[in-house]
Protein backbone atom coordinates (compact mmCIF):
# COMPACT_ATOMS: atom_id res chain seq x y z
CA MET A 1 27.43 -128.08 -264.78
CA LYS A 2 30.00 -125.38 -263.18
CA LEU A 3 33.76 -126.23 -265.00
CA ARG A 4 36.76 -125.16 -263.69
CA ILE A 5 39.79 -126.36 -265.64
CA ALA A 6 43.62 -127.68 -262.97
CA THR A 7 46.29 -129.83 -263.79
CA LEU A 8 47.82 -132.49 -263.07
CA ILE A 9 49.87 -130.41 -260.43
CA LEU A 10 45.97 -129.24 -258.23
CA LEU A 11 46.14 -133.01 -257.93
CA LEU A 12 49.51 -133.42 -257.06
CA LEU A 13 49.17 -130.46 -254.22
CA ILE A 14 46.20 -132.15 -252.86
CA PHE A 15 48.14 -135.70 -252.27
CA ALA A 16 50.73 -133.32 -250.24
CA MET A 17 48.34 -131.50 -248.16
CA ASN A 18 47.13 -135.21 -247.19
CA GLU A 19 50.14 -135.79 -245.91
CA ALA A 20 50.98 -132.99 -244.08
CA LEU A 21 48.26 -133.73 -242.68
CA GLY A 22 49.05 -136.83 -241.62
CA LYS A 23 46.43 -138.41 -243.21
CA SER A 24 46.46 -142.56 -242.93
CA VAL A 25 47.60 -143.91 -246.83
CA ILE A 26 47.07 -147.39 -248.00
CA PRO A 27 49.31 -149.14 -247.59
CA THR A 28 50.87 -149.98 -251.38
CA SER A 29 52.84 -152.35 -253.36
CA PHE A 30 54.07 -152.32 -256.83
CA TYR A 31 55.74 -155.02 -259.01
CA ASN A 32 56.42 -154.57 -262.79
CA ILE A 33 55.53 -156.69 -265.75
CA THR A 34 58.25 -156.43 -269.36
CA THR A 35 58.91 -159.19 -271.55
CA ALA A 36 60.88 -160.94 -269.03
CA GLU A 37 56.96 -162.09 -267.71
CA GLY A 38 55.87 -162.29 -271.11
CA LEU A 39 55.27 -158.39 -272.50
CA PRO A 40 55.60 -158.47 -276.31
CA SER A 41 57.50 -154.95 -275.95
CA ASN A 42 58.30 -152.91 -272.36
CA THR A 43 56.99 -149.86 -274.56
CA VAL A 44 53.12 -149.92 -273.33
CA GLY A 45 50.14 -147.16 -274.42
CA ALA A 46 47.16 -148.46 -273.30
CA ILE A 47 46.08 -150.32 -270.24
CA LYS A 48 42.24 -151.97 -270.32
CA LYS A 49 40.71 -153.44 -266.98
CA ASP A 50 37.32 -155.33 -269.30
CA SER A 51 33.51 -156.90 -267.11
CA THR A 52 35.45 -159.82 -266.91
CA GLY A 53 38.06 -158.54 -264.86
CA PHE A 54 41.45 -159.52 -267.65
CA ILE A 55 43.39 -156.65 -267.53
CA TRP A 56 44.32 -155.74 -271.81
CA ILE A 57 47.65 -154.30 -272.28
CA GLY A 58 48.49 -152.67 -275.63
CA THR A 59 51.91 -152.08 -276.60
CA LYS A 60 53.96 -150.89 -279.43
CA THR A 61 54.51 -154.10 -280.50
CA GLY A 62 51.01 -155.52 -279.65
CA LEU A 63 48.35 -157.05 -278.02
CA CYS A 64 48.23 -158.83 -274.59
CA ARG A 65 45.62 -160.70 -272.09
CA TYR A 66 47.24 -160.79 -268.14
CA ASP A 67 44.97 -163.09 -265.66
CA GLY A 68 47.16 -161.40 -262.65
CA CYS A 69 49.18 -164.84 -263.29
CA GLU A 70 50.25 -165.70 -266.62
CA ILE A 71 50.35 -162.82 -269.71
CA LYS A 72 48.69 -164.05 -273.11
CA THR A 73 50.03 -162.83 -276.36
CA TYR A 74 48.09 -162.27 -280.13
CA PRO A 75 50.74 -162.83 -282.36
CA PHE A 76 48.38 -162.05 -285.27
CA LEU A 77 48.05 -158.43 -283.62
CA ALA A 78 51.98 -158.33 -283.13
CA GLU A 79 52.66 -155.43 -285.47
CA ASP A 80 49.93 -153.21 -283.90
CA ASP A 81 51.51 -150.21 -282.44
CA ILE A 82 48.63 -149.37 -279.63
CA TRP A 83 47.45 -146.65 -278.44
CA THR A 84 44.02 -146.82 -276.71
CA ILE A 85 41.78 -149.49 -275.87
CA GLU A 86 37.90 -149.61 -274.92
CA GLU A 87 35.55 -152.70 -274.43
CA LEU A 88 32.06 -152.31 -276.65
CA ASP A 89 30.66 -155.46 -275.57
CA ASN A 90 31.18 -158.80 -274.12
CA GLU A 91 32.63 -159.87 -277.38
CA ILE A 92 34.78 -157.55 -279.21
CA LEU A 93 37.28 -154.84 -277.98
CA LEU A 94 37.93 -151.31 -279.98
CA ILE A 95 41.62 -150.89 -280.96
CA GLY A 96 42.83 -147.97 -281.89
CA THR A 97 46.94 -147.95 -283.55
CA ARG A 98 48.90 -145.68 -285.31
CA THR A 99 46.86 -146.19 -287.94
CA CYS A 100 43.68 -147.43 -287.78
CA VAL A 101 40.91 -148.35 -285.74
CA LYS A 102 40.57 -153.18 -285.21
CA SER A 103 37.66 -154.54 -283.94
CA PHE A 104 39.16 -157.96 -282.37
CA ASN A 105 36.48 -160.56 -281.10
CA ARG A 106 37.90 -162.04 -278.19
CA ARG A 107 35.69 -165.36 -278.38
CA THR A 108 36.54 -165.77 -282.17
CA SER A 109 40.09 -164.57 -281.97
CA GLN A 110 38.29 -162.32 -285.23
CA VAL A 111 39.51 -158.93 -286.51
CA GLU A 112 38.27 -156.61 -288.13
CA ILE A 113 39.93 -153.01 -289.65
CA LEU A 114 37.67 -150.03 -289.09
CA ASN A 115 36.76 -147.59 -292.21
CA ILE A 116 38.35 -144.94 -290.44
CA PRO A 117 40.33 -142.42 -292.43
CA SER A 118 44.27 -143.13 -292.06
CA ALA A 119 44.95 -141.95 -288.81
CA ILE A 120 46.92 -142.01 -284.83
CA VAL A 121 43.99 -143.42 -282.98
CA LYS A 122 44.57 -141.36 -279.74
CA SER A 123 41.03 -142.24 -277.70
CA ILE A 124 38.21 -144.48 -278.64
CA LYS A 125 34.91 -143.90 -276.05
CA LYS A 126 31.76 -146.14 -276.09
CA ILE A 127 28.72 -144.67 -276.39
CA ASP A 128 26.29 -148.10 -276.58
CA ARG A 129 26.92 -151.40 -278.67
CA ASN A 130 26.67 -149.84 -281.89
CA SER A 131 28.21 -146.02 -281.95
CA PHE A 132 31.19 -144.89 -280.28
CA LEU A 133 34.13 -141.55 -280.88
CA VAL A 134 37.34 -142.09 -282.07
CA GLY A 135 39.66 -139.31 -281.27
CA THR A 136 42.56 -139.24 -284.23
CA ASP A 137 45.32 -136.93 -284.23
CA SER A 138 43.46 -134.97 -287.54
CA GLY A 139 40.08 -134.90 -286.21
CA LEU A 140 37.32 -136.38 -284.35
CA TYR A 141 35.07 -139.28 -285.55
CA ILE A 142 31.61 -140.71 -284.69
CA VAL A 143 30.47 -144.05 -285.38
CA GLU A 144 27.42 -145.54 -285.52
CA ASN A 145 26.66 -149.22 -286.86
CA GLY A 146 30.44 -149.37 -288.80
CA ARG A 147 29.69 -145.65 -290.36
CA PRO A 148 32.30 -143.28 -289.45
CA GLN A 149 30.98 -138.92 -289.62
CA ARG A 150 34.06 -136.51 -288.79
CA ILE A 151 33.06 -133.70 -286.39
CA PHE A 152 35.24 -130.55 -286.24
CA PHE A 153 36.29 -127.82 -283.07
CA GLU A 154 37.89 -125.40 -286.02
CA THR A 155 38.06 -125.09 -289.50
CA GLY A 156 41.08 -125.65 -291.06
CA LEU A 157 44.27 -127.39 -289.53
CA SER A 158 43.44 -126.27 -286.27
CA PRO A 159 44.86 -128.27 -283.46
CA SER A 160 41.65 -127.61 -281.66
CA ASN A 161 41.30 -130.96 -283.67
CA HIS A 162 43.63 -133.31 -282.58
CA VAL A 163 41.79 -135.12 -279.78
CA THR A 164 44.20 -136.15 -277.10
CA SER A 165 41.31 -138.09 -274.85
CA ILE A 166 37.53 -138.73 -273.97
CA ILE A 167 35.53 -138.69 -270.83
CA ARG A 168 31.11 -138.94 -270.64
CA GLU A 169 29.93 -136.90 -268.40
CA ASN A 170 25.99 -137.90 -269.35
CA ASP A 171 24.37 -139.94 -272.20
CA SER A 172 24.49 -136.41 -274.13
CA ILE A 173 27.61 -134.28 -273.02
CA PHE A 174 31.82 -135.41 -274.11
CA TRP A 175 34.63 -133.84 -272.90
CA LEU A 176 37.61 -134.07 -274.84
CA SER A 177 40.96 -132.74 -274.77
CA THR A 178 42.92 -131.10 -277.77
CA ALA A 179 46.17 -130.00 -278.70
CA ASN A 180 44.29 -126.66 -278.76
CA GLY A 181 41.73 -126.01 -275.33
CA LEU A 182 39.41 -129.10 -273.70
CA GLY A 183 36.27 -129.62 -276.26
CA ARG A 184 32.97 -130.47 -275.10
CA MET A 185 30.59 -132.16 -277.51
CA ASN A 186 26.26 -132.80 -277.15
CA LEU A 187 25.72 -135.69 -278.84
CA LYS A 188 22.41 -134.72 -278.99
CA THR A 189 22.15 -131.89 -280.89
CA ARG A 190 26.76 -132.21 -282.48
CA GLN A 191 26.96 -129.42 -280.71
CA THR A 192 30.53 -128.58 -280.16
CA SER A 193 32.95 -125.86 -278.30
CA ILE A 194 35.97 -124.95 -277.30
CA TYR A 195 37.41 -123.59 -274.29
CA ARG A 196 40.98 -122.45 -273.31
CA MET A 197 42.78 -121.18 -270.15
CA GLU A 198 44.45 -117.51 -270.48
CA GLU A 199 47.31 -117.22 -272.07
CA GLY A 200 50.99 -117.64 -270.39
CA ILE A 201 52.35 -121.05 -269.35
CA THR A 202 53.76 -122.84 -271.98
CA ASN A 203 51.43 -125.48 -273.47
CA SER A 204 49.14 -124.37 -271.35
CA ASN A 205 46.10 -125.18 -273.83
CA ASN A 206 48.13 -128.23 -275.32
CA PHE A 207 46.55 -131.29 -273.12
CA ILE A 208 47.24 -134.77 -273.10
CA CYS A 209 45.03 -135.80 -271.03
CA LEU A 210 41.08 -135.50 -268.94
CA ALA A 211 39.93 -137.32 -266.17
CA LYS A 212 36.59 -136.34 -264.84
CA GLY A 213 35.78 -135.27 -261.28
CA ILE A 214 33.10 -133.69 -259.39
CA ASN A 215 32.19 -130.65 -260.98
CA HIS A 216 35.71 -130.38 -262.36
CA VAL A 217 37.10 -131.66 -265.51
CA TYR A 218 40.95 -132.19 -264.23
CA LEU A 219 43.95 -131.56 -267.42
CA VAL A 220 47.27 -132.52 -267.70
CA VAL A 221 49.92 -130.74 -270.34
CA PRO A 222 53.36 -131.88 -271.32
C-alpha cells in the first residue's frame, strides 16, 4: 500500500474546490441534542452507531442511547468520563474511559471492568469477537480472551506510545495515530513501525485522530 500523509487541511481544500467548480451539495440540516433533551452532559467524547441502528453517546458523565426520538441513560455508568465506544458483538459494547475499559452487556445491563492497567483510553478497535486493540496515553494493548499484552512502538517514555486513534486496513494491518508519529502494526507478526513527517510544522507529528481513504491515511494535528 502506497502511503500518503495529509492533514485535515487537504480535506477542507477538496471541499472548497468542489464548491468552486459548482458541484452540487447535498442539502443538510442540523439540530442539537443537549442536556435539555436528556444527555447526561453536553461534553461528548464518543459516538457509535451499533449494528441494530442505535446511536450510543459517551459523555463526560456517562453513557446514553439515542433511537432518533428519545434518549435513554444508564445511571450505573454516570460517573464515567467516556472517550471511545466500540461494538464487540451483538451484546457487548466496549467503553473506554479516563481510567479503564468497561464491557457493557446491552441485553443484561451488566458491566465488567477489564484487566488493563489504569490509563486514559483514547481508542478501541475490534479484531474479532474475542479480541481487540486498546489505545491509551501510556501504550497500545492487544486484549485476547480477556488477557492484555502491551505493545511498544519505541522504548522508554516516548510520546509515540501515546495512542490517540486506531483504524484497520485489513485482517493484519492496523494504523494508529500517536503523539509522535503515525504507527503501523502487523497483527500477525506483531511488528511495529513509526512514520514521521519532516520537521517545520508546529505539532507536525502530534496526531489526534486519523481516517483511511483509498491509498491514503488522513491525519489531524491539534
